[in-house]
Amino acid sequence: MNKDELKTDTEQLVQDFLDGDVQAFNRLVMHYQTKIYNLALNYVKSPEEAKDLAQDIFVTVYRSLPKLREKEKFTSWLYQIAINHCRNRYKKLSRRGYFSNISLDDEESFLQIAGDEGPEKLLQRKNTINLVRSTIDSMAEAEKEIILLRDIQELAYEEISDILHIPLGTVKSKLNRARTSLKDRLKKHYQDL
């Protein structure tokens, strides 16, 4: 299904739900659950915590969907809710010291390694992934968010503009600055970047 078909299908599912078809919401969840879960996982680093967070996000969406005025903006609206929930949960967990107990080497964490590579290549790739992950985590919240939305979630610039309530040109310039910042931080570890 291409993006235009998904958008049209999404709009129809939203309308069906608003017209009383509760199963339409289940189909919306099926369309978006992986992306929302992955976004949550990028914030909270724990699969169980990410599942709970994604569930909370969809509960909020279910309750708030009747208030959505422009059904064609469902995806942006969904991500706005998701980011707000992720920010809040991240802050709450940080205050409790939750992240000091998570190892970057945890096999359950995001950015899994797969392939038929030898042990040296696997170790090198795992170290690189851990370095990139910890570098992204150490960035300012605005920089981290824009990289997550564009480079990890692969959202369009227009969607990011709607989600973050900033002009399209600002999205592009912020993303460019965030990528440059990430590259500069990684250069300290890899000279050939």
N, C-alpha and C. Protein backbone atom coordinates (compact mmCIF):
# COMPACT_ATOMS: atom_id res chain seq x y z
N MET A 1 0.85 -1.18 0.00
CA MET A 1 0.00 0.00 0.00
C MET A 1 0.90 1.24 0.00
N ASN A 2 0.71 2.10 -0.98
CA ASN A 2 1.54 3.32 -1.02
C ASN A 2 0.95 4.37 -0.08
N LYS A 3 1.70 5.48 0.06
CA LYS A 3 1.30 6.51 1.03
C LYS A 3 -0.07 7.12 0.71
N ASP A 4 -0.36 7.34 -0.58
CA ASP A 4 -1.65 7.93 -0.95
C ASP A 4 -2.80 6.99 -0.61
N GLU A 5 -2.61 5.68 -0.89
CA GLU A 5 -3.65 4.70 -0.56
C GLU A 5 -3.85 4.61 0.95
N LEU A 6 -2.73 4.63 1.70
CA LEU A 6 -2.82 4.58 3.15
C LEU A 6 -3.55 5.80 3.69
N LYS A 7 -3.24 6.98 3.11
CA LYS A 7 -3.90 8.21 3.56
C LYS A 7 -5.40 8.14 3.31
N THR A 8 -5.80 7.70 2.11
CA THR A 8 -7.21 7.59 1.77
C THR A 8 -7.89 6.55 2.66
N ASP A 9 -7.22 5.41 2.85
CA ASP A 9 -7.75 4.36 3.72
C ASP A 9 -7.89 4.87 5.14
N THR A 10 -6.90 5.60 5.62
CA THR A 10 -6.93 6.16 6.97
C THR A 10 -8.11 7.12 7.13
N GLU A 11 -8.27 8.01 6.17
CA GLU A 11 -9.39 8.95 6.23
C GLU A 11 -10.73 8.22 6.28
N GLN A 12 -10.85 7.16 5.49
CA GLN A 12 -12.10 6.39 5.48
C GLN A 12 -12.31 5.68 6.81
N LEU A 13 -11.25 5.13 7.38
CA LEU A 13 -11.36 4.46 8.68
C LEU A 13 -11.75 5.45 9.78
N VAL A 14 -11.17 6.64 9.74
CA VAL A 14 -11.53 7.66 10.72
C VAL A 14 -13.02 8.00 10.59
N GLN A 15 -13.46 8.21 9.35
CA GLN A 15 -14.87 8.54 9.13
C GLN A 15 -15.78 7.39 9.58
N ASP A 16 -15.37 6.16 9.26
CA ASP A 16 -16.17 5.00 9.68
C ASP A 16 -16.29 4.94 11.21
N PHE A 17 -15.18 5.20 11.89
CA PHE A 17 -15.20 5.19 13.35
C PHE A 17 -16.13 6.29 13.87
N LEU A 18 -16.02 7.48 13.29
CA LEU A 18 -16.86 8.59 13.71
C LEU A 18 -18.34 8.32 13.43
N ASP A 19 -18.58 7.47 12.43
CA ASP A 19 -19.97 7.08 12.10
C ASP A 19 -20.47 5.92 12.96
N GLY A 20 -19.62 5.43 13.89
CA GLY A 20 -20.06 4.40 14.82
C GLY A 20 -19.44 3.02 14.64
N ASP A 21 -18.57 2.84 13.66
CA ASP A 21 -17.94 1.54 13.44
C ASP A 21 -16.70 1.42 14.32
N VAL A 22 -16.85 0.76 15.47
CA VAL A 22 -15.75 0.62 16.43
C VAL A 22 -14.61 -0.21 15.84
N GLN A 23 -14.93 -1.16 14.97
CA GLN A 23 -13.88 -1.99 14.35
C GLN A 23 -12.95 -1.15 13.46
N ALA A 24 -13.43 -0.04 12.97
CA ALA A 24 -12.58 0.83 12.16
C ALA A 24 -11.40 1.34 12.99
N PHE A 25 -11.63 1.58 14.27
CA PHE A 25 -10.53 2.01 15.13
C PHE A 25 -9.49 0.90 15.27
N ASN A 26 -9.94 -0.33 15.39
CA ASN A 26 -9.00 -1.45 15.48
C ASN A 26 -8.12 -1.52 14.23
N ARG A 27 -8.71 -1.25 13.08
CA ARG A 27 -7.93 -1.26 11.83
C ARG A 27 -6.94 -0.09 11.80
N LEU A 28 -7.33 1.05 12.36
CA LEU A 28 -6.39 2.18 12.46
C LEU A 28 -5.20 1.80 13.34
N VAL A 29 -5.48 1.15 14.44
CA VAL A 29 -4.41 0.71 15.34
C VAL A 29 -3.48 -0.24 14.60
N MET A 30 -4.04 -1.16 13.85
CA MET A 30 -3.22 -2.12 13.09
C MET A 30 -2.30 -1.39 12.10
N HIS A 31 -2.80 -0.34 11.48
CA HIS A 31 -1.99 0.44 10.53
C HIS A 31 -0.82 1.14 11.20
N TYR A 32 -1.03 1.64 12.42
CA TYR A 32 -0.05 2.53 13.04
C TYR A 32 0.67 1.96 14.26
N GLN A 33 0.28 0.80 14.73
CA GLN A 33 0.84 0.31 16.00
C GLN A 33 2.35 0.11 15.96
N THR A 34 2.91 -0.38 14.88
CA THR A 34 4.34 -0.61 14.82
C THR A 34 5.12 0.70 14.86
N LYS A 35 4.67 1.68 14.10
CA LYS A 35 5.37 2.97 14.09
C LYS A 35 5.28 3.67 15.45
N ILE A 36 4.12 3.62 16.07
CA ILE A 36 3.96 4.26 17.38
C ILE A 36 4.77 3.51 18.43
N TYR A 37 4.75 2.19 18.37
CA TYR A 37 5.56 1.39 19.31
C TYR A 37 7.04 1.73 19.13
N ASN A 38 7.51 1.79 17.90
CA ASN A 38 8.92 2.11 17.65
C ASN A 38 9.29 3.50 18.14
N LEU A 39 8.39 4.46 17.95
CA LEU A 39 8.63 5.81 18.46
C LEU A 39 8.75 5.76 19.98
N ALA A 40 7.83 5.07 20.63
CA ALA A 40 7.86 4.96 22.09
C ALA A 40 9.14 4.26 22.54
N LEU A 41 9.54 3.22 21.84
CA LEU A 41 10.75 2.48 22.20
C LEU A 41 11.99 3.36 22.09
N ASN A 42 12.01 4.26 21.13
CA ASN A 42 13.13 5.18 21.00
C ASN A 42 13.22 6.14 22.18
N TYR A 43 12.11 6.38 22.83
CA TYR A 43 12.11 7.25 24.01
C TYR A 43 12.42 6.49 25.28
N VAL A 44 11.75 5.36 25.50
CA VAL A 44 11.82 4.70 26.81
C VAL A 44 12.76 3.51 26.87
N LYS A 45 13.24 3.03 25.74
CA LYS A 45 14.28 2.00 25.63
C LYS A 45 13.91 0.61 26.12
N SER A 46 12.74 0.41 26.63
CA SER A 46 12.32 -0.88 27.16
C SER A 46 11.09 -1.36 26.40
N PRO A 47 11.13 -2.58 25.86
CA PRO A 47 9.97 -3.09 25.12
C PRO A 47 8.68 -3.10 25.94
N GLU A 48 8.76 -3.50 27.19
CA GLU A 48 7.55 -3.53 28.03
C GLU A 48 7.02 -2.12 28.28
N GLU A 49 7.90 -1.21 28.60
CA GLU A 49 7.50 0.18 28.83
C GLU A 49 6.94 0.79 27.54
N ALA A 50 7.55 0.45 26.40
CA ALA A 50 7.08 0.97 25.11
C ALA A 50 5.70 0.42 24.77
N LYS A 51 5.44 -0.83 25.09
CA LYS A 51 4.10 -1.41 24.85
C LYS A 51 3.06 -0.67 25.68
N ASP A 52 3.37 -0.44 26.94
CA ASP A 52 2.44 0.29 27.81
C ASP A 52 2.20 1.70 27.29
N LEU A 53 3.28 2.35 26.89
CA LEU A 53 3.18 3.72 26.38
C LEU A 53 2.35 3.77 25.10
N ALA A 54 2.60 2.84 24.19
CA ALA A 54 1.83 2.80 22.94
C ALA A 54 0.35 2.57 23.23
N GLN A 55 0.05 1.70 24.19
CA GLN A 55 -1.34 1.45 24.57
C GLN A 55 -1.97 2.72 25.13
N ASP A 56 -1.25 3.43 25.98
CA ASP A 56 -1.76 4.70 26.52
C ASP A 56 -2.04 5.70 25.41
N ILE A 57 -1.15 5.74 24.43
CA ILE A 57 -1.33 6.66 23.30
C ILE A 57 -2.62 6.34 22.56
N PHE A 58 -2.83 5.05 22.25
CA PHE A 58 -4.03 4.68 21.50
C PHE A 58 -5.31 4.85 22.32
N VAL A 59 -5.24 4.71 23.63
CA VAL A 59 -6.41 4.99 24.48
C VAL A 59 -6.77 6.47 24.37
N THR A 60 -5.75 7.33 24.43
CA THR A 60 -6.00 8.77 24.29
C THR A 60 -6.58 9.09 22.92
N VAL A 61 -6.03 8.47 21.88
CA VAL A 61 -6.53 8.69 20.52
C VAL A 61 -7.99 8.26 20.42
N TYR A 62 -8.32 7.10 20.98
CA TYR A 62 -9.69 6.59 20.95
C TYR A 62 -10.65 7.59 21.59
N ARG A 63 -10.25 8.09 22.75
CA ARG A 63 -11.12 9.03 23.47
C ARG A 63 -11.22 10.39 22.78
N SER A 64 -10.16 10.79 22.11
CA SER A 64 -10.11 12.14 21.53
C SER A 64 -10.52 12.21 20.07
N LEU A 65 -10.58 11.08 19.40
CA LEU A 65 -10.85 11.07 17.96
C LEU A 65 -12.15 11.79 17.58
N PRO A 66 -13.22 11.70 18.35
CA PRO A 66 -14.43 12.44 17.97
C PRO A 66 -14.22 13.96 17.91
N LYS A 67 -13.17 14.47 18.56
CA LYS A 67 -12.90 15.91 18.55
C LYS A 67 -12.05 16.33 17.35
N LEU A 68 -11.51 15.37 16.59
CA LEU A 68 -10.66 15.68 15.43
C LEU A 68 -11.50 16.34 14.35
N ARG A 69 -11.11 17.54 13.97
CA ARG A 69 -11.89 18.30 12.98
C ARG A 69 -11.52 17.94 11.55
N GLU A 70 -10.25 17.70 11.31
CA GLU A 70 -9.78 17.44 9.94
C GLU A 70 -9.26 16.01 9.85
N LYS A 71 -10.11 15.10 9.40
CA LYS A 71 -9.72 13.69 9.39
C LYS A 71 -8.53 13.42 8.46
N GLU A 72 -8.29 14.29 7.48
CA GLU A 72 -7.14 14.11 6.59
C GLU A 72 -5.81 14.38 7.30
N LYS A 73 -5.88 14.96 8.49
CA LYS A 73 -4.67 15.22 9.27
C LYS A 73 -4.52 14.24 10.43
N PHE A 74 -5.16 13.08 10.32
CA PHE A 74 -5.12 12.10 11.39
C PHE A 74 -3.69 11.70 11.76
N THR A 75 -2.85 11.42 10.76
CA THR A 75 -1.50 10.95 11.05
C THR A 75 -0.71 11.98 11.83
N SER A 76 -0.76 13.22 11.42
CA SER A 76 -0.05 14.28 12.15
C SER A 76 -0.60 14.42 13.57
N TRP A 77 -1.91 14.37 13.68
CA TRP A 77 -2.57 14.48 14.98
C TRP A 77 -2.16 13.32 15.89
N LEU A 78 -2.13 12.11 15.34
CA LEU A 78 -1.70 10.93 16.08
C LEU A 78 -0.27 11.10 16.60
N TYR A 79 0.62 11.56 15.74
CA TYR A 79 2.01 11.75 16.16
C TYR A 79 2.16 12.87 17.19
N GLN A 80 1.32 13.89 17.10
CA GLN A 80 1.36 14.95 18.13
C GLN A 80 1.03 14.35 19.49
N ILE A 81 0.00 13.54 19.54
CA ILE A 81 -0.39 12.88 20.79
C ILE A 81 0.74 11.96 21.24
N ALA A 82 1.27 11.18 20.31
CA ALA A 82 2.32 10.22 20.65
C ALA A 82 3.56 10.92 21.21
N ILE A 83 3.99 11.97 20.57
CA ILE A 83 5.18 12.69 21.03
C ILE A 83 4.94 13.29 22.41
N ASN A 84 3.78 13.87 22.62
CA ASN A 84 3.48 14.43 23.94
C ASN A 84 3.51 13.35 25.02
N HIS A 85 2.90 12.21 24.73
CA HIS A 85 2.95 11.10 25.69
C HIS A 85 4.39 10.63 25.92
N CYS A 86 5.16 10.50 24.83
CA CYS A 86 6.55 10.04 24.94
C CYS A 86 7.39 11.02 25.76
N ARG A 87 7.23 12.30 25.50
CA ARG A 87 7.97 13.31 26.27
C ARG A 87 7.64 13.20 27.76
N ASN A 88 6.34 13.13 28.05
CA ASN A 88 5.91 13.07 29.45
C ASN A 88 6.41 11.80 30.14
N ARG A 89 6.30 10.66 29.47
CA ARG A 89 6.77 9.41 30.08
C ARG A 89 8.28 9.44 30.26
N TYR A 90 9.00 9.98 29.28
CA TYR A 90 10.46 10.07 29.39
C TYR A 90 10.86 10.92 30.60
N LYS A 91 10.20 12.05 30.76
CA LYS A 91 10.51 12.92 31.90
C LYS A 91 10.19 12.22 33.22
N LYS A 92 9.06 11.56 33.28
CA LYS A 92 8.66 10.84 34.50
C LYS A 92 9.68 9.75 34.83
N LEU A 93 10.07 8.98 33.84
CA LEU A 93 11.02 7.89 34.08
C LEU A 93 12.41 8.43 34.43
N SER A 94 12.78 9.54 33.81
CA SER A 94 14.09 10.15 34.11
C SER A 94 14.16 10.60 35.56
N ARG A 95 13.08 11.20 36.04
CA ARG A 95 13.04 11.66 37.43
C ARG A 95 13.20 10.49 38.40
N ARG A 96 12.73 9.33 38.01
CA ARG A 96 12.82 8.14 38.87
C ARG A 96 14.15 7.41 38.72
N GLY A 97 15.02 7.89 37.83
CA GLY A 97 16.31 7.24 37.62
C GLY A 97 16.21 5.96 36.80
N TYR A 98 15.14 5.80 36.07
CA TYR A 98 14.88 4.59 35.30
C TYR A 98 15.98 4.30 34.28
N PHE A 99 16.46 5.32 33.59
CA PHE A 99 17.40 5.10 32.50
C PHE A 99 18.80 4.75 32.97
N SER A 100 19.11 5.00 34.22
CA SER A 100 20.43 4.64 34.73
C SER A 100 20.55 3.13 34.91
N ASN A 101 19.42 2.43 34.85
CA ASN A 101 19.43 0.97 35.02
C ASN A 101 19.41 0.20 33.71
N ILE A 102 19.35 0.89 32.57
CA ILE A 102 19.25 0.23 31.28
C ILE A 102 20.62 0.18 30.62
N SER A 103 21.00 -0.99 30.18
CA SER A 103 22.27 -1.17 29.49
C SER A 103 22.07 -1.01 27.99
N LEU A 104 23.00 -0.35 27.35
CA LEU A 104 22.93 -0.22 25.90
C LEU A 104 23.18 -1.56 25.21
N ASP A 105 23.74 -2.52 25.93
CA ASP A 105 24.02 -3.83 25.36
C ASP A 105 22.83 -4.78 25.50
N ASP A 106 21.74 -4.32 26.05
CA ASP A 106 20.57 -5.15 26.28
C ASP A 106 20.05 -5.71 24.96
N GLU A 107 19.93 -7.03 24.90
CA GLU A 107 19.45 -7.69 23.68
C GLU A 107 18.00 -7.32 23.36
N GLU A 108 17.24 -6.90 24.37
CA GLU A 108 15.84 -6.55 24.18
C GLU A 108 15.66 -5.13 23.64
N SER A 109 16.73 -4.35 23.61
CA SER A 109 16.60 -2.95 23.22
C SER A 109 16.42 -2.80 21.72
N PHE A 110 16.07 -1.57 21.31
CA PHE A 110 15.80 -1.32 19.91
C PHE A 110 17.06 -1.35 19.07
N LEU A 111 16.92 -1.29 17.75
CA LEU A 111 18.00 -1.39 16.78
C LEU A 111 18.70 -2.75 16.90
N GLN A 112 17.94 -3.79 16.71
CA GLN A 112 18.49 -5.14 16.82
C GLN A 112 19.45 -5.41 15.67
N ILE A 113 20.38 -6.30 15.91
CA ILE A 113 21.37 -6.69 14.92
C ILE A 113 20.97 -8.04 14.36
N ALA A 114 20.97 -8.15 13.03
CA ALA A 114 20.65 -9.43 12.40
C ALA A 114 21.55 -9.61 11.19
N GLY A 115 21.81 -10.85 10.87
CA GLY A 115 22.61 -11.12 9.69
C GLY A 115 23.52 -12.32 9.90
N ASP A 116 24.18 -12.71 8.84
CA ASP A 116 25.08 -13.85 8.87
C ASP A 116 26.52 -13.38 8.89
N GLU A 117 26.83 -12.44 9.75
CA GLU A 117 28.17 -11.90 9.82
C GLU A 117 28.96 -12.65 10.89
N GLY A 118 30.27 -12.56 10.77
CA GLY A 118 31.13 -13.17 11.76
C GLY A 118 31.07 -12.40 13.07
N PRO A 119 31.63 -12.98 14.13
CA PRO A 119 31.58 -12.35 15.45
C PRO A 119 32.23 -10.97 15.50
N GLU A 120 33.33 -10.78 14.77
CA GLU A 120 34.00 -9.47 14.78
C GLU A 120 33.12 -8.41 14.15
N LYS A 121 32.50 -8.74 13.01
CA LYS A 121 31.62 -7.78 12.33
C LYS A 121 30.40 -7.48 13.20
N LEU A 122 29.85 -8.51 13.83
CA LEU A 122 28.69 -8.30 14.70
C LEU A 122 29.05 -7.38 15.86
N LEU A 123 30.19 -7.62 16.47
CA LEU A 123 30.62 -6.78 17.58
C LEU A 123 30.85 -5.34 17.12
N GLN A 124 31.46 -5.17 15.97
CA GLN A 124 31.71 -3.83 15.43
C GLN A 124 30.38 -3.12 15.14
N ARG A 125 29.44 -3.83 14.53
CA ARG A 125 28.15 -3.24 14.22
C ARG A 125 27.40 -2.89 15.51
N LYS A 126 27.43 -3.78 16.48
CA LYS A 126 26.75 -3.55 17.75
C LYS A 126 27.35 -2.33 18.45
N ASN A 127 28.66 -2.21 18.43
CA ASN A 127 29.31 -1.04 19.03
C ASN A 127 28.91 0.24 18.32
N THR A 128 28.83 0.19 16.99
CA THR A 128 28.43 1.36 16.21
C THR A 128 27.00 1.76 16.53
N ILE A 129 26.10 0.77 16.57
CA ILE A 129 24.70 1.05 16.90
C ILE A 129 24.59 1.65 18.29
N ASN A 130 25.31 1.10 19.24
CA ASN A 130 25.27 1.62 20.61
C ASN A 130 25.79 3.05 20.67
N LEU A 131 26.85 3.33 19.90
CA LEU A 131 27.41 4.68 19.87
C LEU A 131 26.41 5.66 19.26
N VAL A 132 25.81 5.30 18.15
CA VAL A 132 24.83 6.19 17.50
C VAL A 132 23.64 6.39 18.42
N ARG A 133 23.15 5.32 19.03
CA ARG A 133 22.00 5.41 19.93
C ARG A 133 22.29 6.33 21.11
N SER A 134 23.44 6.12 21.74
CA SER A 134 23.76 6.95 22.91
C SER A 134 24.02 8.40 22.50
N THR A 135 24.56 8.60 21.30
CA THR A 135 24.79 9.96 20.81
C THR A 135 23.47 10.67 20.55
N ILE A 136 22.52 9.98 19.92
CA ILE A 136 21.20 10.57 19.69
C ILE A 136 20.53 10.87 21.02
N ASP A 137 20.64 9.94 21.97
CA ASP A 137 20.04 10.15 23.29
C ASP A 137 20.61 11.37 24.01
N SER A 138 21.87 11.68 23.75
CA SER A 138 22.51 12.80 24.45
C SER A 138 22.21 14.15 23.80
N MET A 139 21.56 14.15 22.66
CA MET A 139 21.26 15.40 21.96
C MET A 139 20.12 16.14 22.66
N ALA A 140 20.01 17.42 22.36
CA ALA A 140 18.90 18.22 22.88
C ALA A 140 17.58 17.60 22.39
N GLU A 141 16.54 17.75 23.18
CA GLU A 141 15.26 17.12 22.87
C GLU A 141 14.75 17.47 21.47
N ALA A 142 14.85 18.73 21.08
CA ALA A 142 14.36 19.15 19.77
C ALA A 142 15.14 18.48 18.64
N GLU A 143 16.46 18.38 18.80
CA GLU A 143 17.29 17.73 17.79
C GLU A 143 16.97 16.24 17.71
N LYS A 144 16.85 15.62 18.86
CA LYS A 144 16.57 14.18 18.91
C LYS A 144 15.22 13.89 18.26
N GLU A 145 14.22 14.69 18.58
CA GLU A 145 12.88 14.47 18.05
C GLU A 145 12.84 14.56 16.54
N ILE A 146 13.48 15.56 15.99
CA ILE A 146 13.40 15.74 14.54
C ILE A 146 14.14 14.62 13.82
N ILE A 147 15.24 14.12 14.39
CA ILE A 147 15.94 12.98 13.80
C ILE A 147 15.09 11.72 13.91
N LEU A 148 14.45 11.51 15.05
CA LEU A 148 13.58 10.35 15.21
C LEU A 148 12.43 10.37 14.21
N LEU A 149 11.79 11.53 14.06
CA LEU A 149 10.63 11.62 13.16
C LEU A 149 11.01 11.43 11.69
N ARG A 150 12.12 12.03 11.27
CA ARG A 150 12.49 11.96 9.85
C ARG A 150 13.32 10.72 9.52
N ASP A 151 14.36 10.47 10.28
CA ASP A 151 15.31 9.43 9.90
C ASP A 151 14.96 8.05 10.47
N ILE A 152 14.27 7.99 11.58
CA ILE A 152 13.90 6.70 12.15
C ILE A 152 12.45 6.35 11.76
N GLN A 153 11.52 7.29 11.96
CA GLN A 153 10.12 7.05 11.61
C GLN A 153 9.84 7.26 10.13
N GLU A 154 10.74 7.93 9.43
CA GLU A 154 10.64 8.19 7.99
C GLU A 154 9.37 8.96 7.61
N LEU A 155 9.01 9.94 8.44
CA LEU A 155 7.86 10.78 8.12
C LEU A 155 8.26 11.83 7.10
N ALA A 156 7.29 12.29 6.32
CA ALA A 156 7.53 13.35 5.34
C ALA A 156 7.73 14.68 6.07
N TYR A 157 8.45 15.58 5.41
CA TYR A 157 8.70 16.90 5.99
C TYR A 157 7.39 17.60 6.34
N GLU A 158 6.38 17.47 5.47
CA GLU A 158 5.10 18.12 5.70
C GLU A 158 4.43 17.58 6.97
N GLU A 159 4.53 16.26 7.18
CA GLU A 159 3.95 15.67 8.39
C GLU A 159 4.66 16.18 9.64
N ILE A 160 5.98 16.26 9.57
CA ILE A 160 6.75 16.76 10.71
C ILE A 160 6.38 18.21 11.00
N SER A 161 6.18 18.98 9.95
CA SER A 161 5.76 20.38 10.10
C SER A 161 4.44 20.46 10.86
N ASP A 162 3.48 19.60 10.48
CA ASP A 162 2.18 19.57 11.16
C ASP A 162 2.32 19.11 12.60
N ILE A 163 3.12 18.07 12.83
CA ILE A 163 3.27 17.49 14.15
C ILE A 163 3.90 18.48 15.13
N LEU A 164 4.95 19.14 14.68
CA LEU A 164 5.70 20.04 15.56
C LEU A 164 5.21 21.49 15.51
N HIS A 165 4.23 21.76 14.64
CA HIS A 165 3.67 23.11 14.48
C HIS A 165 4.76 24.13 14.13
N ILE A 166 5.59 23.77 13.16
CA ILE A 166 6.62 24.70 12.68
C ILE A 166 6.59 24.71 11.15
N PRO A 167 7.00 25.82 10.53
CA PRO A 167 6.97 25.90 9.07
C PRO A 167 7.88 24.84 8.42
N LEU A 168 7.53 24.47 7.19
CA LEU A 168 8.28 23.46 6.44
C LEU A 168 9.76 23.81 6.33
N GLY A 169 10.06 25.06 6.03
CA GLY A 169 11.46 25.49 5.92
C GLY A 169 12.20 25.32 7.24
N THR A 170 11.52 25.55 8.34
CA THR A 170 12.13 25.39 9.66
C THR A 170 12.42 23.92 9.93
N VAL A 171 11.52 23.04 9.51
CA VAL A 171 11.76 21.60 9.66
C VAL A 171 13.05 21.22 8.96
N LYS A 172 13.18 21.67 7.72
CA LYS A 172 14.37 21.31 6.93
C LYS A 172 15.65 21.87 7.56
N SER A 173 15.60 23.12 8.01
CA SER A 173 16.80 23.71 8.60
C SER A 173 17.13 23.07 9.95
N LYS A 174 16.11 22.77 10.76
CA LYS A 174 16.36 22.11 12.05
C LYS A 174 16.91 20.71 11.85
N LEU A 175 16.38 20.01 10.85
CA LEU A 175 16.87 18.66 10.57
C LEU A 175 18.32 18.72 10.10
N ASN A 176 18.63 19.67 9.25
CA ASN A 176 20.00 19.82 8.78
C ASN A 176 20.94 20.10 9.95
N ARG A 177 20.55 21.01 10.84
CA ARG A 177 21.38 21.31 12.02
C ARG A 177 21.52 20.09 12.94
N ALA A 178 20.42 19.36 13.12
CA ALA A 178 20.47 18.17 13.98
C ALA A 178 21.38 17.10 13.40
N ARG A 179 21.28 16.89 12.09
CA ARG A 179 22.15 15.90 11.45
C ARG A 179 23.61 16.33 11.53
N THR A 180 23.87 17.62 11.34
CA THR A 180 25.24 18.13 11.45
C THR A 180 25.75 17.94 12.87
N SER A 181 24.92 18.22 13.84
CA SER A 181 25.29 18.04 15.24
C SER A 181 25.60 16.58 15.54
N LEU A 182 24.77 15.69 15.04
CA LEU A 182 25.00 14.26 15.23
C LEU A 182 26.31 13.83 14.58
N LYS A 183 26.52 14.29 13.38
CA LYS A 183 27.77 13.95 12.66
C LYS A 183 28.99 14.48 13.42
N ASP A 184 28.92 15.71 13.90
CA ASP A 184 30.04 16.29 14.65
C ASP A 184 30.31 15.51 15.93
N ARG A 185 29.26 15.08 16.61
CA ARG A 185 29.43 14.30 17.83
C ARG A 185 30.05 12.94 17.53
N LEU A 186 29.63 12.35 16.41
CA LEU A 186 30.17 11.04 16.04
C LEU A 186 31.60 11.12 15.52
N LYS A 187 31.96 12.27 14.96
CA LYS A 187 33.32 12.46 14.44
C LYS A 187 34.37 12.26 15.53
N LYS A 188 34.00 12.55 16.74
CA LYS A 188 34.94 12.37 17.84
C LYS A 188 35.36 10.90 17.97
N HIS A 189 34.49 10.01 17.51
CA HIS A 189 34.76 8.58 17.62
C HIS A 189 35.26 7.97 16.32
N TYR A 190 34.82 8.54 15.21
CA TYR A 190 35.21 8.03 13.89
C TYR A 190 35.78 9.17 13.07
N GLN A 191 37.02 9.07 12.72
CA GLN A 191 37.70 10.15 12.00
C GLN A 191 37.29 10.27 10.54
N ASP A 192 36.73 9.22 9.94
CA ASP A 192 36.43 9.24 8.52
C ASP A 192 35.04 9.75 8.17
N LEU A 193 34.32 10.33 9.09
CA LEU A 193 32.97 10.85 8.80
C LEU A 193 33.03 12.18 8.11
